[in-house]
Amino acid sequence: MSESPKHGWRPGAAKKEHIDALAASGATVSDAGNVDEKPGVSLIASAWKRLRRDRIFLIGLTITIIFVLVAIFAPLIAPHDPTKPIPELIAKVRRQTNPIPGPEPGFPLGADDRGRDLLSRLIVGSRQTLIVCVFATIFSLLGGLILGTLAGALGGWVDSLVMRVVDILLSIPSLLLAFSVAAMAARPSQWTVIIAISIAYLPVFARLLRGSMLAQRHSDHVLAARALGVKRGAIVFRHMLPNSVGPVIVQATLVLATAVIDAAALSFLGLGNPDDRQPEWGQMLGKAQEYLADYPHMAFYPAACIIVVAFGFTLMGESLREALDPKSRR
């Protein structure tokens, strides 16, 4: 057969070269079809391999780690007692007409209207913010797992009943729903904020898990387990739930970010812990509105902390979702 006028390529030339290469390597007929066995890589290991090269994820992870460490070791890091007025700052307030002491040596951010060190209150307030957002996320995750498992595993009227309740909750904006739940409490406290945020985000987890479990219901390994006579409980908890919970865990990292903002909003509106001896960023932001016109830094510092922490959780959650989602892998 004549050569191609353009590139001199002949049909079957590549196949012939491949055969010649195999012959030169000494391969035998028994080696045909064999492939080199390599250890498999789990989904988590594969995701981590991509995440550790993702700058966005590393930035979010760094912010989150710093926030968690500051919250855990807040009493040791805070330079002063956040609940007690500093005598020298109180004296300065009395000598001047300025009700808010500004920054000075030993007090880099100044003090609040009661002479308490603002930096110490921000550091200790991170602990209250962490407690609220973590417990709210955990409670909403557990509630969503229960409802989503019931709806996705049982189906029928159970699925219809659970999903109608979830649809009603989803029809109300999350912050408005949390505000309504917190407002029904006889006395506002930190736990009313936690419960309110948990109820607001519970339907998100329930619907997400239910959708994942419905997709798993008709998968090959579930059908095979049914054909072998495996009981429904074993199929749900050993096959369907473990393979459906991944997207829910990723969603939890995103809920952490919104929980920080919602907790601050509820505390800002006066529905959080009224005792300012336990500082919290949203509570501090609400107290600062009285002096916002003349002393905007009182509101700037807690607002900046809220924004940075929520931003860190968001970066980490979005990167984690992309790493675990097969459709978005590069």
C-alpha atoms as a PDB file:
ATOM      1  CA  MET A   1       0.000   0.000   0.000  1.00  0.00           C
ATOM      2  CA  SER A   2       1.396   3.391  -0.895  1.00  0.00           C
ATOM      3  CA  GLU A   3       2.469   5.855   1.738  1.00  0.00           C
ATOM      4  CA  SER A   4       0.382   8.896   2.609  1.00  0.00           C
ATOM      5  CA  PRO A   5       1.532  11.924   0.600  1.00  0.00           C
ATOM      6  CA  LYS A   6       1.529  14.173   3.671  1.00  0.00           C
ATOM      7  CA  HIS A   7       3.171  12.327   6.539  1.00  0.00           C
ATOM      8  CA  GLY A   8       4.383   9.034   5.079  1.00  0.00           C
ATOM      9  CA  TRP A   9       2.134   7.155   7.503  1.00  0.00           C
ATOM     10  CA  ARG A  10       0.917   3.656   6.645  1.00  0.00           C
ATOM     11  CA  PRO A  11      -2.253   2.073   8.077  1.00  0.00           C
ATOM     12  CA  GLY A  12      -1.306  -0.500  10.688  1.00  0.00           C
ATOM     13  CA  ALA A  13       2.214   0.877  11.120  1.00  0.00           C
ATOM     14  CA  ALA A  14       1.625   1.753  14.770  1.00  0.00           C
ATOM     15  CA  LYS A  15       0.274  -1.731  15.490  1.00  0.00           C
ATOM     16  CA  LYS A  16       3.261  -3.325  13.767  1.00  0.00           C
ATOM     17  CA  GLU A  17       5.686  -1.221  15.799  1.00  0.00           C
ATOM     18  CA  HIS A  18       3.883  -2.223  19.005  1.00  0.00           C
ATOM     19  CA  ILE A  19       4.153  -5.933  18.091  1.00  0.00           C
ATOM     20  CA  ASP A  20       7.825  -5.563  17.264  1.00  0.00           C
ATOM     21  CA  ALA A  21       8.429  -3.853  20.620  1.00  0.00           C
ATOM     22  CA  LEU A  22       6.724  -6.721  22.483  1.00  0.00           C
ATOM     23  CA  ALA A  23       8.817  -9.279  20.576  1.00  0.00           C
ATOM     24  CA  ALA A  24      12.002  -7.417  21.404  1.00  0.00           C
ATOM     25  CA  SER A  25      11.112  -7.307  25.093  1.00  0.00           C
ATOM     26  CA  GLY A  26      10.897 -11.098  25.282  1.00  0.00           C
ATOM     27  CA  ALA A  27       7.201 -11.192  26.254  1.00  0.00           C
ATOM     28  CA  THR A  28       5.510 -14.590  25.915  1.00  0.00           C
ATOM     29  CA  VAL A  29       1.963 -15.598  25.101  1.00  0.00           C
ATOM     30  CA  SER A  30       1.288 -16.294  28.773  1.00  0.00           C
ATOM     31  CA  ASP A  31       1.954 -12.623  29.537  1.00  0.00           C
ATOM     32  CA  ALA A  32      -0.838 -11.463  27.259  1.00  0.00           C
ATOM     33  CA  GLY A  33      -3.625  -9.653  29.097  1.00  0.00           C
ATOM     34  CA  ASN A  34      -1.627  -9.252  32.292  1.00  0.00           C
ATOM     35  CA  VAL A  35      -1.369  -5.810  33.863  1.00  0.00           C
ATOM     36  CA  ASP A  36       0.828  -4.528  36.622  1.00  0.00           C
ATOM     37  CA  GLU A  37      -1.030  -4.670  39.906  1.00  0.00           C
ATOM     38  CA  LYS A  38      -0.960  -1.445  41.900  1.00  0.00           C
ATOM     39  CA  PRO A  39      -2.548  -0.825  45.280  1.00  0.00           C
ATOM     40  CA  GLY A  40      -5.882   0.945  45.096  1.00  0.00           C
ATOM     41  CA  VAL A  41      -6.337   4.495  46.366  1.00  0.00           C
ATOM     42  CA  SER A  42      -9.309   5.342  48.568  1.00  0.00           C
ATOM     43  CA  LEU A  43     -11.556   8.297  47.864  1.00  0.00           C
ATOM     44  CA  ILE A  44     -10.281  10.143  50.955  1.00  0.00           C
ATOM     45  CA  ALA A  45      -6.637   9.569  50.042  1.00  0.00           C
ATOM     46  CA  SER A  46      -7.275  10.703  46.479  1.00  0.00           C
ATOM     47  CA  ALA A  47      -9.092  13.801  47.705  1.00  0.00           C
ATOM     48  CA  TRP A  48      -6.321  14.681  50.161  1.00  0.00           C
ATOM     49  CA  LYS A  49      -3.737  14.316  47.385  1.00  0.00           C
ATOM     50  CA  ARG A  50      -5.548  17.063  45.480  1.00  0.00           C
ATOM     51  CA  LEU A  51      -6.404  19.202  48.506  1.00  0.00           C
ATOM     52  CA  ARG A  52      -2.847  19.513  49.764  1.00  0.00           C
ATOM     53  CA  ARG A  53      -1.952  21.179  46.459  1.00  0.00           C
ATOM     54  CA  ASP A  54      -5.013  23.449  46.550  1.00  0.00           C
ATOM     55  CA  ARG A  55      -4.029  26.906  47.812  1.00  0.00           C
ATOM     56  CA  ILE A  56      -7.630  27.904  48.477  1.00  0.00           C
ATOM     57  CA  PHE A  57      -8.161  24.884  50.712  1.00  0.00           C
ATOM     58  CA  LEU A  58      -4.888  25.498  52.542  1.00  0.00           C
ATOM     59  CA  ILE A  59      -5.852  29.120  53.218  1.00  0.00           C
ATOM     60  CA  GLY A  60      -9.236  28.061  54.598  1.00  0.00           C
ATOM     61  CA  LEU A  61      -7.655  25.277  56.641  1.00  0.00           C
ATOM     62  CA  THR A  62      -5.096  27.689  58.115  1.00  0.00           C
ATOM     63  CA  ILE A  63      -7.782  30.172  59.138  1.00  0.00           C
ATOM     64  CA  THR A  64      -9.859  27.393  60.675  1.00  0.00           C
ATOM     65  CA  ILE A  65      -6.942  25.900  62.618  1.00  0.00           C
ATOM     66  CA  ILE A  66      -5.946  29.306  63.992  1.00  0.00           C
ATOM     67  CA  PHE A  67      -9.544  29.997  65.051  1.00  0.00           C
ATOM     68  CA  VAL A  68      -9.895  26.624  66.769  1.00  0.00           C
ATOM     69  CA  LEU A  69      -6.556  26.943  68.583  1.00  0.00           C
ATOM     70  CA  VAL A  70      -7.340  30.467  69.760  1.00  0.00           C
ATOM     71  CA  ALA A  71     -10.747  29.317  71.014  1.00  0.00           C
ATOM     72  CA  ILE A  72      -9.320  26.315  72.864  1.00  0.00           C
ATOM     73  CA  PHE A  73      -6.474  28.207  74.529  1.00  0.00           C
ATOM     74  CA  ALA A  74      -8.338  31.510  74.908  1.00  0.00           C
ATOM     75  CA  PRO A  75      -7.925  31.789  78.720  1.00  0.00           C
ATOM     76  CA  LEU A  76      -4.177  31.299  78.340  1.00  0.00           C
ATOM     77  CA  ILE A  77      -3.782  33.651  75.377  1.00  0.00           C
ATOM     78  CA  ALA A  78      -5.920  36.536  76.649  1.00  0.00           C
ATOM     79  CA  PRO A  79      -3.613  39.132  78.236  1.00  0.00           C
ATOM     80  CA  HIS A  80      -6.269  40.322  80.717  1.00  0.00           C
ATOM     81  CA  ASP A  81      -9.436  39.112  82.384  1.00  0.00           C
ATOM     82  CA  PRO A  82     -12.246  39.941  79.912  1.00  0.00           C
ATOM     83  CA  THR A  83     -14.846  40.193  82.672  1.00  0.00           C
ATOM     84  CA  LYS A  84     -13.113  42.731  84.940  1.00  0.00           C
ATOM     85  CA  PRO A  85     -12.575  46.435  84.233  1.00  0.00           C
ATOM     86  CA  ILE A  86      -8.957  47.581  84.152  1.00  0.00           C
ATOM     87  CA  PRO A  87      -8.424  50.190  86.929  1.00  0.00           C
ATOM     88  CA  GLU A  88      -6.094  52.404  84.888  1.00  0.00           C
ATOM     89  CA  LEU A  89      -8.545  52.424  81.988  1.00  0.00           C
ATOM     90  CA  ILE A  90     -11.421  53.292  84.286  1.00  0.00           C
ATOM     91  CA  ALA A  91      -9.377  56.158  85.734  1.00  0.00           C
ATOM     92  CA  LYS A  92      -8.647  57.402  82.244  1.00  0.00           C
ATOM     93  CA  VAL A  93     -12.346  57.398  81.389  1.00  0.00           C
ATOM     94  CA  ARG A  94     -13.142  59.418  84.486  1.00  0.00           C
ATOM     95  CA  ARG A  95     -10.452  61.994  83.759  1.00  0.00           C
ATOM     96  CA  GLN A  96     -11.546  62.481  80.164  1.00  0.00           C
ATOM     97  CA  THR A  97     -14.812  62.954  78.386  1.00  0.00           C
ATOM     98  CA  ASN A  98     -13.951  60.003  76.136  1.00  0.00           C
ATOM     99  CA  PRO A  99     -16.144  57.060  77.213  1.00  0.00           C
ATOM    100  CA  ILE A 100     -14.137  54.567  75.126  1.00  0.00           C
ATOM    101  CA  PRO A 101     -10.393  54.330  75.934  1.00  0.00           C
ATOM    102  CA  GLY A 102      -8.325  54.037  72.797  1.00  0.00           C
ATOM    103  CA  PRO A 103      -5.268  51.882  72.129  1.00  0.00           C
ATOM    104  CA  GLU A 104      -2.306  52.330  74.450  1.00  0.00           C
ATOM    105  CA  PRO A 105       0.680  50.278  75.651  1.00  0.00           C
ATOM    106  CA  GLY A 106      -0.556  46.958  77.034  1.00  0.00           C
ATOM    107  CA  PHE A 107      -3.991  47.430  75.428  1.00  0.00           C
ATOM    108  CA  PRO A 108      -3.464  47.406  71.633  1.00  0.00           C
ATOM    109  CA  LEU A 109      -7.184  47.579  70.782  1.00  0.00           C
ATOM    110  CA  GLY A 110      -8.273  49.766  73.671  1.00  0.00           C
ATOM    111  CA  ALA A 111     -11.227  48.923  75.895  1.00  0.00           C
ATOM    112  CA  ASP A 112     -15.010  48.887  75.843  1.00  0.00           C
ATOM    113  CA  ASP A 113     -17.359  51.293  77.614  1.00  0.00           C
ATOM    114  CA  ARG A 114     -16.776  49.519  80.942  1.00  0.00           C
ATOM    115  CA  GLY A 115     -13.006  49.609  80.797  1.00  0.00           C
ATOM    116  CA  ARG A 116     -12.534  45.945  79.850  1.00  0.00           C
ATOM    117  CA  ASP A 117      -9.727  45.011  77.480  1.00  0.00           C
ATOM    118  CA  LEU A 118     -11.178  44.661  73.991  1.00  0.00           C
ATOM    119  CA  LEU A 119      -8.499  42.260  72.706  1.00  0.00           C
ATOM    120  CA  SER A 120      -9.075  39.871  75.601  1.00  0.00           C
ATOM    121  CA  ARG A 121     -12.817  39.939  75.001  1.00  0.00           C
ATOM    122  CA  LEU A 122     -12.332  39.141  71.321  1.00  0.00           C
ATOM    123  CA  ILE A 123     -10.060  36.203  72.134  1.00  0.00           C
ATOM    124  CA  VAL A 124     -12.368  34.730  74.768  1.00  0.00           C
ATOM    125  CA  GLY A 125     -15.394  35.454  72.576  1.00  0.00           C
ATOM    126  CA  SER A 126     -13.999  33.102  69.941  1.00  0.00           C
ATOM    127  CA  ARG A 127     -14.643  30.195  72.309  1.00  0.00           C
ATOM    128  CA  GLN A 128     -18.349  31.017  72.628  1.00  0.00           C
ATOM    129  CA  THR A 129     -18.635  31.407  68.868  1.00  0.00           C
ATOM    130  CA  LEU A 130     -16.936  28.053  68.299  1.00  0.00           C
ATOM    131  CA  ILE A 131     -19.201  26.314  70.820  1.00  0.00           C
ATOM    132  CA  VAL A 132     -22.343  27.672  69.181  1.00  0.00           C
ATOM    133  CA  CYS A 133     -21.426  26.895  65.580  1.00  0.00           C
ATOM    134  CA  VAL A 134     -20.004  23.422  66.325  1.00  0.00           C
ATOM    135  CA  PHE A 135     -22.884  22.224  68.512  1.00  0.00           C
ATOM    136  CA  ALA A 136     -25.479  23.720  66.158  1.00  0.00           C
ATOM    137  CA  THR A 137     -23.887  21.914  63.212  1.00  0.00           C
ATOM    138  CA  ILE A 138     -23.633  18.623  65.115  1.00  0.00           C
ATOM    139  CA  PHE A 139     -27.279  18.709  66.258  1.00  0.00           C
ATOM    140  CA  SER A 140     -28.586  19.639  62.814  1.00  0.00           C
ATOM    141  CA  LEU A 141     -26.390  16.946  61.240  1.00  0.00           C
ATOM    142  CA  LEU A 142     -27.673  14.254  63.610  1.00  0.00           C
ATOM    143  CA  GLY A 143     -31.293  15.293  63.094  1.00  0.00           C
ATOM    144  CA  GLY A 144     -30.809  15.370  59.332  1.00  0.00           C
ATOM    145  CA  LEU A 145     -29.210  11.921  59.391  1.00  0.00           C
ATOM    146  CA  ILE A 146     -32.187  10.469  61.258  1.00  0.00           C
ATOM    147  CA  LEU A 147     -34.838  12.035  59.010  1.00  0.00           C
ATOM    148  CA  GLY A 148     -32.896  11.450  55.792  1.00  0.00           C
ATOM    149  CA  THR A 149     -32.262   7.811  56.668  1.00  0.00           C
ATOM    150  CA  LEU A 150     -35.923   7.188  57.466  1.00  0.00           C
ATOM    151  CA  ALA A 151     -37.090   8.828  54.242  1.00  0.00           C
ATOM    152  CA  GLY A 152     -34.460   7.279  51.979  1.00  0.00           C
ATOM    153  CA  ALA A 153     -34.508   3.777  53.449  1.00  0.00           C
ATOM    154  CA  LEU A 154     -38.191   3.202  54.117  1.00  0.00           C
ATOM    155  CA  GLY A 155     -39.802   5.205  51.334  1.00  0.00           C
ATOM    156  CA  GLY A 156     -43.581   5.145  50.928  1.00  0.00           C
ATOM    157  CA  TRP A 157     -45.691   7.180  53.315  1.00  0.00           C
ATOM    158  CA  VAL A 158     -42.727   7.697  55.662  1.00  0.00           C
ATOM    159  CA  ASP A 159     -40.795   9.377  52.867  1.00  0.00           C
ATOM    160  CA  SER A 160     -43.794  11.526  51.934  1.00  0.00           C
ATOM    161  CA  LEU A 161     -44.445  12.603  55.532  1.00  0.00           C
ATOM    162  CA  VAL A 162     -40.821  13.442  56.304  1.00  0.00           C
ATOM    163  CA  MET A 163     -40.306  15.329  53.058  1.00  0.00           C
ATOM    164  CA  ARG A 164     -43.444  17.415  53.491  1.00  0.00           C
ATOM    165  CA  VAL A 165     -42.200  18.533  56.907  1.00  0.00           C
ATOM    166  CA  VAL A 166     -38.784  19.248  55.408  1.00  0.00           C
ATOM    167  CA  ASP A 167     -40.365  21.226  52.552  1.00  0.00           C
ATOM    168  CA  ILE A 168     -42.254  23.384  55.035  1.00  0.00           C
ATOM    169  CA  LEU A 169     -39.059  24.138  56.943  1.00  0.00           C
ATOM    170  CA  LEU A 170     -37.134  24.847  53.731  1.00  0.00           C
ATOM    171  CA  SER A 171     -39.794  27.299  52.585  1.00  0.00           C
ATOM    172  CA  ILE A 172     -38.839  29.598  55.475  1.00  0.00           C
ATOM    173  CA  PRO A 173     -35.498  31.470  55.245  1.00  0.00           C
ATOM    174  CA  SER A 174     -33.012  29.900  57.635  1.00  0.00           C
ATOM    175  CA  LEU A 175     -32.271  33.075  59.584  1.00  0.00           C
ATOM    176  CA  LEU A 176     -35.967  33.899  59.913  1.00  0.00           C
ATOM    177  CA  LEU A 177     -36.708  30.360  61.095  1.00  0.00           C
ATOM    178  CA  ALA A 178     -33.873  30.518  63.629  1.00  0.00           C
ATOM    179  CA  PHE A 179     -35.097  33.911  64.825  1.00  0.00           C
ATOM    180  CA  SER A 180     -38.637  32.569  65.283  1.00  0.00           C
ATOM    181  CA  VAL A 181     -37.444  29.532  67.251  1.00  0.00           C
ATOM    182  CA  ALA A 182     -35.114  31.598  69.449  1.00  0.00           C
ATOM    183  CA  ALA A 183     -37.838  34.182  70.109  1.00  0.00           C
ATOM    184  CA  MET A 184     -40.116  31.497  71.585  1.00  0.00           C
ATOM    185  CA  ALA A 185     -37.661  30.797  74.411  1.00  0.00           C
ATOM    186  CA  ALA A 186     -38.665  32.116  77.816  1.00  0.00           C
ATOM    187  CA  ARG A 187     -35.142  33.337  78.534  1.00  0.00           C
ATOM    188  CA  PRO A 188     -32.543  33.898  75.819  1.00  0.00           C
ATOM    189  CA  SER A 189     -29.338  31.963  76.301  1.00  0.00           C
ATOM    190  CA  GLN A 190     -26.544  30.358  74.383  1.00  0.00           C
ATOM    191  CA  TRP A 191     -28.497  27.107  74.085  1.00  0.00           C
ATOM    192  CA  THR A 192     -31.508  28.825  72.538  1.00  0.00           C
ATOM    193  CA  VAL A 193     -29.235  30.030  69.746  1.00  0.00           C
ATOM    194  CA  ILE A 194     -27.798  26.529  69.284  1.00  0.00           C
ATOM    195  CA  ILE A 195     -31.237  24.906  69.122  1.00  0.00           C
ATOM    196  CA  ALA A 196     -32.603  27.581  66.797  1.00  0.00           C
ATOM    197  CA  ILE A 197     -29.747  27.231  64.307  1.00  0.00           C
ATOM    198  CA  SER A 198     -29.944  23.427  64.519  1.00  0.00           C
ATOM    199  CA  ILE A 199     -33.618  23.421  63.550  1.00  0.00           C
ATOM    200  CA  ALA A 200     -32.967  25.903  60.739  1.00  0.00           C
ATOM    201  CA  TYR A 201     -30.338  23.719  59.026  1.00  0.00           C
ATOM    202  CA  LEU A 202     -31.728  20.277  59.855  1.00  0.00           C
ATOM    203  CA  PRO A 203     -33.880  20.075  56.676  1.00  0.00           C
ATOM    204  CA  VAL A 204     -30.830  20.787  54.480  1.00  0.00           C
ATOM    205  CA  PHE A 205     -29.061  17.682  55.760  1.00  0.00           C
ATOM    206  CA  ALA A 206     -32.247  15.599  55.645  1.00  0.00           C
ATOM    207  CA  ARG A 207     -32.994  16.353  51.999  1.00  0.00           C
ATOM    208  CA  LEU A 208     -29.377  15.903  50.923  1.00  0.00           C
ATOM    209  CA  LEU A 209     -29.056  12.508  52.629  1.00  0.00           C
ATOM    210  CA  ARG A 210     -32.418  11.347  51.361  1.00  0.00           C
ATOM    211  CA  GLY A 211     -31.410  12.136  47.771  1.00  0.00           C
ATOM    212  CA  SER A 212     -28.110  10.295  48.157  1.00  0.00           C
ATOM    213  CA  MET A 213     -29.809   7.240  49.639  1.00  0.00           C
ATOM    214  CA  LEU A 214     -32.394   7.122  46.858  1.00  0.00           C
ATOM    215  CA  ALA A 215     -29.521   7.009  44.378  1.00  0.00           C
ATOM    216  CA  GLN A 216     -27.907   4.185  46.360  1.00  0.00           C
ATOM    217  CA  ARG A 217     -31.148   2.187  46.531  1.00  0.00           C
ATOM    218  CA  HIS A 218     -30.856   1.095  42.901  1.00  0.00           C
ATOM    219  CA  SER A 219     -27.084   0.639  42.813  1.00  0.00           C
ATOM    220  CA  ASP A 220     -25.583  -2.722  41.897  1.00  0.00           C
ATOM    221  CA  HIS A 221     -24.175  -3.584  45.319  1.00  0.00           C
ATOM    222  CA  VAL A 222     -27.528  -2.905  47.023  1.00  0.00           C
ATOM    223  CA  LEU A 223     -29.410  -4.993  44.463  1.00  0.00           C
ATOM    224  CA  ALA A 224     -26.886  -7.791  44.924  1.00  0.00           C
ATOM    225  CA  ALA A 225     -27.304  -7.659  48.708  1.00  0.00           C
ATOM    226  CA  ARG A 226     -31.074  -7.920  48.324  1.00  0.00           C
ATOM    227  CA  ALA A 227     -30.720 -10.854  45.947  1.00  0.00           C
ATOM    228  CA  LEU A 228     -28.565 -12.635  48.546  1.00  0.00           C
ATOM    229  CA  GLY A 229     -31.285 -12.172  51.166  1.00  0.00           C
ATOM    230  CA  VAL A 230     -29.497  -9.590  53.338  1.00  0.00           C
ATOM    231  CA  LYS A 231     -31.859  -7.949  55.821  1.00  0.00           C
ATOM    232  CA  ARG A 232     -33.052  -4.411  55.221  1.00  0.00           C
ATOM    233  CA  GLY A 233     -31.323  -3.024  58.312  1.00  0.00           C
ATOM    234  CA  ALA A 234     -27.968  -4.415  57.253  1.00  0.00           C
ATOM    235  CA  ILE A 235     -28.409  -3.063  53.735  1.00  0.00           C
ATOM    236  CA  VAL A 236     -29.246   0.412  55.036  1.00  0.00           C
ATOM    237  CA  PHE A 237     -26.499   0.739  57.652  1.00  0.00           C
ATOM    238  CA  ARG A 238     -23.745  -1.257  55.926  1.00  0.00           C
ATOM    239  CA  HIS A 239     -24.241  -0.399  52.275  1.00  0.00           C
ATOM    240  CA  MET A 240     -26.537   2.590  51.672  1.00  0.00           C
ATOM    241  CA  LEU A 241     -25.721   4.950  54.554  1.00  0.00           C
ATOM    242  CA  PRO A 242     -21.885   4.734  54.442  1.00  0.00           C
ATOM    243  CA  ASN A 243     -21.932   5.466  50.704  1.00  0.00           C
ATOM    244  CA  SER A 244     -24.417   8.345  51.080  1.00  0.00           C
ATOM    245  CA  VAL A 245     -22.988  10.264  54.006  1.00  0.00           C
ATOM    246  CA  GLY A 246     -20.047  11.839  52.105  1.00  0.00           C
ATOM    247  CA  PRO A 247     -21.941  14.831  50.630  1.00  0.00           C
ATOM    248  CA  VAL A 248     -23.591  15.413  54.017  1.00  0.00           C
ATOM    249  CA  ILE A 249     -20.231  15.678  55.775  1.00  0.00           C
ATOM    250  CA  VAL A 250     -19.041  18.162  53.157  1.00  0.00           C
ATOM    251  CA  GLN A 251     -22.212  20.199  53.620  1.00  0.00           C
ATOM    252  CA  ALA A 252     -21.482  20.317  57.352  1.00  0.00           C
ATOM    253  CA  THR A 253     -18.321  22.329  56.711  1.00  0.00           C
ATOM    254  CA  LEU A 254     -20.359  24.876  54.763  1.00  0.00           C
ATOM    255  CA  VAL A 255     -23.011  25.015  57.494  1.00  0.00           C
ATOM    256  CA  LEU A 256     -20.272  25.858  59.988  1.00  0.00           C
ATOM    257  CA  ALA A 257     -19.656  29.084  58.074  1.00  0.00           C
ATOM    258  CA  THR A 258     -23.303  30.103  57.954  1.00  0.00           C
ATOM    259  CA  ALA A 259     -23.795  29.053  61.591  1.00  0.00           C
ATOM    260  CA  VAL A 260     -21.111  31.546  62.653  1.00  0.00           C
ATOM    261  CA  ILE A 261     -22.960  34.331  60.845  1.00  0.00           C
ATOM    262  CA  ASP A 262     -26.419  33.297  62.084  1.00  0.00           C
ATOM    263  CA  ALA A 263     -25.217  32.937  65.681  1.00  0.00           C
ATOM    264  CA  ALA A 264     -23.746  36.425  65.506  1.00  0.00           C
ATOM    265  CA  ALA A 265     -26.984  37.757  64.013  1.00  0.00           C
ATOM    266  CA  LEU A 266     -29.141  36.252  66.767  1.00  0.00           C
ATOM    267  CA  SER A 267     -26.816  37.551  69.473  1.00  0.00           C
ATOM    268  CA  PHE A 268     -26.784  40.939  67.777  1.00  0.00           C
ATOM    269  CA  LEU A 269     -30.598  41.009  67.968  1.00  0.00           C
ATOM    270  CA  GLY A 270     -30.493  40.202  71.688  1.00  0.00           C
ATOM    271  CA  LEU A 271     -31.596  36.558  71.430  1.00  0.00           C
ATOM    272  CA  GLY A 272     -28.299  35.124  72.627  1.00  0.00           C
ATOM    273  CA  ASN A 273     -26.699  35.024  76.042  1.00  0.00           C
ATOM    274  CA  PRO A 274     -27.524  38.350  77.758  1.00  0.00           C
ATOM    275  CA  ASP A 275     -24.650  38.012  80.231  1.00  0.00           C
ATOM    276  CA  ASP A 276     -21.799  40.062  78.786  1.00  0.00           C
ATOM    277  CA  ARG A 277     -19.373  38.470  81.231  1.00  0.00           C
ATOM    278  CA  GLN A 278     -19.261  35.682  78.646  1.00  0.00           C
ATOM    279  CA  PRO A 279     -18.335  37.689  75.551  1.00  0.00           C
ATOM    280  CA  GLU A 280     -19.415  36.527  72.119  1.00  0.00           C
ATOM    281  CA  TRP A 281     -18.690  38.268  68.832  1.00  0.00           C
ATOM    282  CA  GLY A 282     -22.319  38.863  67.877  1.00  0.00           C
ATOM    283  CA  GLN A 283     -23.086  40.123  71.358  1.00  0.00           C
ATOM    284  CA  MET A 284     -20.121  42.510  71.194  1.00  0.00           C
ATOM    285  CA  LEU A 285     -21.307  43.721  67.806  1.00  0.00           C
ATOM    286  CA  GLY A 286     -24.744  44.449  69.238  1.00  0.00           C
ATOM    287  CA  LYS A 287     -23.296  46.380  72.176  1.00  0.00           C
ATOM    288  CA  ALA A 288     -21.129  48.435  69.828  1.00  0.00           C
ATOM    289  CA  GLN A 289     -24.026  49.882  67.839  1.00  0.00           C
ATOM    290  CA  GLU A 290     -24.571  52.474  70.581  1.00  0.00           C
ATOM    291  CA  TYR A 291     -21.135  53.933  69.840  1.00  0.00           C
ATOM    292  CA  LEU A 292     -21.009  53.162  66.117  1.00  0.00           C
ATOM    293  CA  ALA A 293     -21.034  56.790  64.945  1.00  0.00           C
ATOM    294  CA  ASP A 294     -18.136  58.004  67.110  1.00  0.00           C
ATOM    295  CA  TYR A 295     -16.199  54.769  67.755  1.00  0.00           C
ATOM    296  CA  PRO A 296     -16.649  52.472  64.735  1.00  0.00           C
ATOM    297  CA  HIS A 297     -13.696  50.312  65.772  1.00  0.00           C
ATOM    298  CA  MET A 298     -15.890  48.831  68.509  1.00  0.00           C
ATOM    299  CA  ALA A 299     -17.964  47.150  65.784  1.00  0.00           C
ATOM    300  CA  PHE A 300     -15.174  46.668  63.248  1.00  0.00           C
ATOM    301  CA  TYR A 301     -13.095  44.183  65.272  1.00  0.00           C
ATOM    302  CA  PRO A 302     -15.852  41.641  66.093  1.00  0.00           C
ATOM    303  CA  ALA A 303     -17.323  42.004  62.599  1.00  0.00           C
ATOM    304  CA  ALA A 304     -13.905  41.344  61.045  1.00  0.00           C
ATOM    305  CA  CYS A 305     -13.477  38.225  63.190  1.00  0.00           C
ATOM    306  CA  ILE A 306     -16.869  36.899  62.100  1.00  0.00           C
ATOM    307  CA  ILE A 307     -16.157  37.559  58.418  1.00  0.00           C
ATOM    308  CA  VAL A 308     -12.674  36.009  58.457  1.00  0.00           C
ATOM    309  CA  VAL A 309     -13.764  32.832  60.274  1.00  0.00           C
ATOM    310  CA  ALA A 310     -16.824  32.351  58.049  1.00  0.00           C
ATOM    311  CA  PHE A 311     -14.597  32.933  55.016  1.00  0.00           C
ATOM    312  CA  GLY A 312     -12.162  30.261  56.206  1.00  0.00           C
ATOM    313  CA  PHE A 313     -14.915  27.681  56.713  1.00  0.00           C
ATOM    314  CA  THR A 314     -16.364  28.517  53.291  1.00  0.00           C
ATOM    315  CA  LEU A 315     -13.048  28.129  51.462  1.00  0.00           C
ATOM    316  CA  MET A 316     -12.379  24.815  53.157  1.00  0.00           C
ATOM    317  CA  GLY A 317     -15.890  23.481  52.517  1.00  0.00           C
ATOM    318  CA  GLU A 318     -16.019  24.469  48.852  1.00  0.00           C
ATOM    319  CA  SER A 319     -12.597  22.950  48.172  1.00  0.00           C
ATOM    320  CA  LEU A 320     -13.560  19.762  49.984  1.00  0.00           C
ATOM    321  CA  ARG A 321     -16.762  19.464  47.987  1.00  0.00           C
ATOM    322  CA  GLU A 322     -14.928  19.850  44.684  1.00  0.00           C
ATOM    323  CA  ALA A 323     -12.294  17.307  45.717  1.00  0.00           C
ATOM    324  CA  LEU A 324     -14.891  14.674  46.652  1.00  0.00           C
ATOM    325  CA  ASP A 325     -17.229  15.317  43.725  1.00  0.00           C
ATOM    326  CA  PRO A 326     -16.277  13.118  40.726  1.00  0.00           C
ATOM    327  CA  LYS A 327     -17.930  15.560  38.299  1.00  0.00           C
ATOM    328  CA  SER A 328     -15.666  18.442  39.344  1.00  0.00           C
ATOM    329  CA  ARG A 329     -12.351  16.587  39.410  1.00  0.00           C
ATOM    330  CA  ARG A 330      -9.745  17.898  37.061  1.00  0.00           C
END
